Structures are given as C-alpha cells and as structure tokens.
Protein backbone atom coordinates (compact mmCIF):
# COMPACT_ATOMS: atom_id res chain seq x y z
CA MET A 1 21.40 103.92 12.58
CA ALA A 2 24.15 101.35 12.66
CA GLN A 3 23.00 97.75 12.53
CA LYS A 4 23.83 95.85 15.73
CA ARG A 5 24.43 92.11 15.97
CA ILE A 6 22.34 90.75 18.83
CA LEU A 7 22.55 87.24 20.35
CA PHE A 8 19.70 85.53 22.04
CA ILE A 9 20.49 82.52 24.26
CA VAL A 10 17.40 80.27 24.71
CA GLY A 11 16.48 76.73 25.66
CA ASP A 12 13.31 74.56 25.53
CA PHE A 13 10.36 76.11 27.26
CA VAL A 14 11.53 79.65 26.79
CA GLU A 15 8.61 81.93 27.28
CA ASP A 16 6.85 82.28 23.83
CA TYR A 17 6.20 86.03 23.83
CA GLU A 18 9.58 86.73 25.38
CA ILE A 19 11.42 85.15 22.49
CA MET A 20 9.14 85.96 19.53
CA VAL A 21 8.22 89.61 20.25
CA PRO A 22 11.75 90.99 20.90
CA PHE A 23 13.19 88.88 18.04
CA GLN A 24 10.69 90.25 15.62
CA MET A 25 11.00 93.91 16.95
CA LEU A 26 14.79 93.90 16.83
CA ASP A 27 14.81 92.38 13.36
CA MET A 28 12.12 94.88 12.26
CA VAL A 29 14.13 97.93 13.18
CA GLY A 30 17.22 96.65 11.25
CA HIS A 31 19.36 94.73 13.66
CA HIS A 32 20.86 91.31 12.84
CA VAL A 33 19.55 88.82 15.43
CA ASP A 34 20.85 85.33 16.03
CA VAL A 35 19.09 82.80 18.35
CA VAL A 36 21.15 79.90 19.68
CA SER A 37 20.60 77.04 22.25
CA PRO A 38 23.26 74.73 23.74
CA GLY A 39 23.39 71.42 22.02
CA LYS A 40 21.40 72.72 19.04
CA LYS A 41 22.22 74.00 15.60
CA THR A 42 20.65 76.13 12.85
CA GLY A 43 17.31 74.76 11.79
CA ASP A 44 16.68 72.98 15.12
CA HIS A 45 13.88 74.34 17.26
CA VAL A 46 13.10 74.98 20.89
CA ALA A 47 9.78 74.37 22.37
CA THR A 48 8.13 77.53 23.92
CA ALA A 49 5.74 77.94 26.76
CA ILE A 50 3.09 80.67 27.23
CA HIS A 51 2.93 82.05 30.75
CA ASP A 52 -0.25 83.91 31.48
CA PHE A 53 -1.63 85.85 34.46
CA GLU A 54 -5.15 84.69 35.00
CA GLY A 55 -5.76 85.72 38.59
CA PHE A 56 -4.03 82.95 40.43
CA GLN A 57 -1.22 83.39 42.92
CA THR A 58 1.38 82.72 40.19
CA TYR A 59 1.32 82.40 36.37
CA THR A 60 -0.13 79.46 34.39
CA GLU A 61 1.81 77.71 31.71
CA LYS A 62 0.66 76.34 28.43
CA ARG A 63 2.65 74.80 25.56
CA GLY A 64 3.52 77.43 22.95
CA HIS A 65 5.03 77.29 19.51
CA ASN A 66 8.23 75.77 18.16
CA PHE A 67 10.84 78.47 17.55
CA THR A 68 13.42 77.73 14.83
CA LEU A 69 17.07 78.58 15.74
CA ASN A 70 18.96 80.49 13.07
CA ALA A 71 22.61 80.05 14.35
CA ASN A 72 24.76 77.25 15.81
CA TYR A 73 25.37 77.54 19.42
CA ASP A 74 28.96 76.03 19.08
CA ASP A 75 29.90 78.68 16.55
CA VAL A 76 29.12 81.81 18.59
CA SER A 77 31.34 84.02 20.66
CA GLU A 78 30.92 87.36 22.46
CA GLU A 79 33.31 89.16 20.08
CA GLU A 80 30.92 88.72 17.12
CA TYR A 81 27.92 90.43 18.90
CA ASP A 82 27.09 93.88 20.13
CA ALA A 83 24.53 92.77 22.70
CA LEU A 84 22.79 89.79 24.41
CA VAL A 85 19.25 88.95 25.18
CA ILE A 86 18.02 86.43 27.68
CA PRO A 87 14.34 85.71 27.61
CA GLY A 88 12.49 84.06 30.44
CA GLY A 89 10.34 81.02 30.92
CA ARG A 90 11.81 77.79 32.39
CA ALA A 91 14.75 77.79 29.99
CA PRO A 92 17.09 79.91 32.19
CA GLU A 93 17.07 77.30 34.96
CA HIS A 94 18.40 74.70 32.43
CA LEU A 95 20.77 77.13 30.79
CA ALA A 96 22.35 77.97 34.12
CA THR A 97 23.61 74.34 34.37
CA HIS A 98 25.80 74.82 31.24
CA ALA A 99 29.36 76.10 32.04
CA SER A 100 29.70 77.33 28.45
CA VAL A 101 26.55 79.45 28.69
CA LEU A 102 27.67 80.98 31.93
CA GLU A 103 31.07 81.78 30.37
CA LEU A 104 29.34 83.35 27.36
CA VAL A 105 27.18 85.52 29.63
CA GLN A 106 30.18 86.54 31.69
CA ALA A 107 32.11 87.54 28.49
CA PHE A 108 29.28 89.95 27.49
CA SER A 109 29.25 91.37 30.97
CA ARG A 110 33.06 91.85 31.16
CA ALA A 111 32.94 93.65 27.73
CA ASN A 112 30.21 95.94 29.22
CA LYS A 113 27.94 95.08 26.23
CA PRO A 114 24.20 95.65 26.47
CA ILE A 115 22.27 92.86 28.09
CA ALA A 116 18.47 92.63 28.05
CA SER A 117 16.75 90.03 30.28
CA ILE A 118 13.19 89.50 31.24
CA CYS A 119 11.11 87.45 33.64
CA HIS A 120 13.15 84.43 34.71
CA GLY A 121 16.05 85.41 32.47
CA PRO A 122 17.84 87.24 35.37
CA VAL A 123 18.24 83.82 37.09
CA LEU A 124 20.81 83.02 34.47
CA LEU A 125 22.50 86.36 35.06
CA ALA A 126 22.58 85.55 38.80
CA ALA A 127 24.00 82.10 38.13
CA ALA A 128 26.81 83.73 35.98
CA GLY A 129 27.58 86.14 38.84
CA VAL A 130 27.24 89.27 36.71
CA ILE A 131 24.58 91.29 38.55
CA SER A 132 26.22 92.10 41.86
CA GLY A 133 25.60 95.73 42.76
CA LYS A 134 23.06 96.21 39.93
CA LYS A 135 19.45 97.22 39.93
CA VAL A 136 17.52 94.32 38.56
CA SER A 137 13.80 93.44 37.99
CA ALA A 138 12.60 89.88 37.21
CA TYR A 139 9.45 87.79 37.86
CA PRO A 140 8.69 88.20 41.55
CA ALA A 141 9.39 84.46 42.30
CA CYS A 142 13.04 85.14 41.22
CA GLN A 143 13.59 87.84 43.91
CA ALA A 144 15.59 85.56 46.22
CA ASP A 145 17.96 84.48 43.46
CA ILE A 146 18.51 88.10 42.49
CA VAL A 147 19.23 89.31 46.02
CA LEU A 148 21.54 86.28 46.85
CA ALA A 149 23.52 87.29 43.71
CA GLY A 150 24.19 90.73 45.32
CA ALA A 151 21.81 92.78 43.15
CA SER A 152 19.16 95.18 44.26
CA TYR A 153 15.80 93.70 43.34
CA HIS A 154 13.26 96.25 42.07
CA THR A 155 9.57 95.45 42.35
CA LEU A 156 7.94 96.99 39.35
CA PRO A 157 4.46 96.84 37.70
CA MET A 158 4.30 94.04 35.14
CA THR A 159 4.47 96.75 32.50
CA GLY A 160 7.66 98.31 33.92
CA ALA A 161 11.31 97.93 33.12
CA ILE A 162 14.56 99.21 34.65
CA THR A 163 17.92 100.18 33.14
CA ASP A 164 21.21 100.10 35.06
CA GLY A 165 24.11 101.08 32.86
CA THR A 166 24.00 98.57 29.97
CA LEU A 167 21.65 96.10 31.69
CA VAL A 168 17.94 96.28 31.02
CA THR A 169 15.53 94.00 32.95
CA ALA A 170 11.76 93.57 33.42
CA PRO A 171 9.28 91.34 35.30
CA ALA A 172 7.39 89.74 32.44
CA TRP A 173 6.19 89.96 28.84
CA PRO A 174 3.54 92.71 29.62
CA ALA A 175 6.57 94.98 29.99
CA HIS A 176 7.63 94.57 26.31
CA PRO A 177 6.95 98.16 25.32
CA ALA A 178 9.06 99.59 28.19
CA TRP A 179 11.72 96.83 28.15
CA ILE A 180 12.32 96.91 24.31
CA ALA A 181 12.21 100.69 24.28
CA GLN A 182 14.88 100.91 26.94
CA PHE A 183 17.02 98.26 25.22
CA LEU A 184 16.83 100.14 21.96
CA GLU A 185 17.94 103.31 23.81
CA VAL A 186 20.95 101.48 25.29
CA LEU A 187 21.73 100.13 21.81
CA GLY A 188 21.67 103.63 20.45
CA THR A 189 18.74 102.78 18.10
CA LYS A 190 16.73 105.85 17.06
CA ILE A 191 13.11 105.29 16.10
CA THR A 192 11.33 108.23 14.41
CA ARG A 193 7.76 108.58 13.20
C-alpha cells in the first residue's frame, strides 16, 4: 500500500471522537496525517467537544480534550496532500468564515481528491460550494445547508455512511466503522487480516 498524505482542517470545538478516532486510524494503517487550524501552528492545540446522544431531541455537548496540532496552517497547500478530512462539531461553522479555508477546500475538490467529512463537517463543504449534485449525509440539523448548496441530502442511520465518487460523508461519530472503511476504500488502502 502506498502511503497517502492526508490533511485534516479543524478548529476549536471540533468533535472529540471525530478528530481523534480517524486521526489515529489513518495513522495506524500507515498514512501520514497532518492536522491544521487557521491562525494556529505546530504545537498549538484546539479544544474539542464531545457530542453525545442521550435521548433528547438533539445531541448534548461537553468539553472534551485538547488536540495538539502537528502542522502549520499557513504552510499547507492542496498540492502536498492526497486527501482531505473535515470532522464535525461546531468548528465547521467558524471555519466557513475563513476565505483561505474555503479556497483550500475548493482546491481539493477541483483536483478531485478524496474528501471525508462527518457530522457538521459538510456545512464547510456547503459554504465552499463543492457539493452541488452530490449525495451527502450529515448530522440531521445540517440538512437545510446541504440542500441549499445543491446536494442531495441522504438520511442514514447514525451508523451509516455514503460515498459519491471521491466524497465520503456520514451523520455522526457512531458511523466511524462505515465512514472510515469507505474512506480507506476511496484512498485505495487495503486492510487484510
């Protein structure tokens, strides 16, 4: 398997499981993973939030861990990477206000490189204007953003994921097994037992 270089774009209050689990999984199978945030550099951290499903009409939120960034945002460009990951949480709302983040997401999309996004992450894809005509899943509260961006919103079980070409999306962290497996397939990563 050829090692892929994968970029994560995150911000404060990224969902804890949606950054930590895919970061560790992609690293574990041998890919190089860089995590960046606008205005931050290597060694800085982002605060995470834990979203949980406890029987209420929507998720609850608790303070998570600090996640240490391992690359400088100002030094990255699409050309250096094979794929992009956009986790959820509240961070995508903030990230969508940065023109440079939108331009970076657009560059990955124009290059038809694999993009994996989960939960509220597709809100950033919608803001970047890169999902028109695509099949997309996200946290149900994001449905209007997805539809207004011209995508076909797919309601999936919280454990489901959907792939449309090089785009892999899912509704929330309970979908990690399906979401990460589909992303690995798009990357061409072969896992054998």
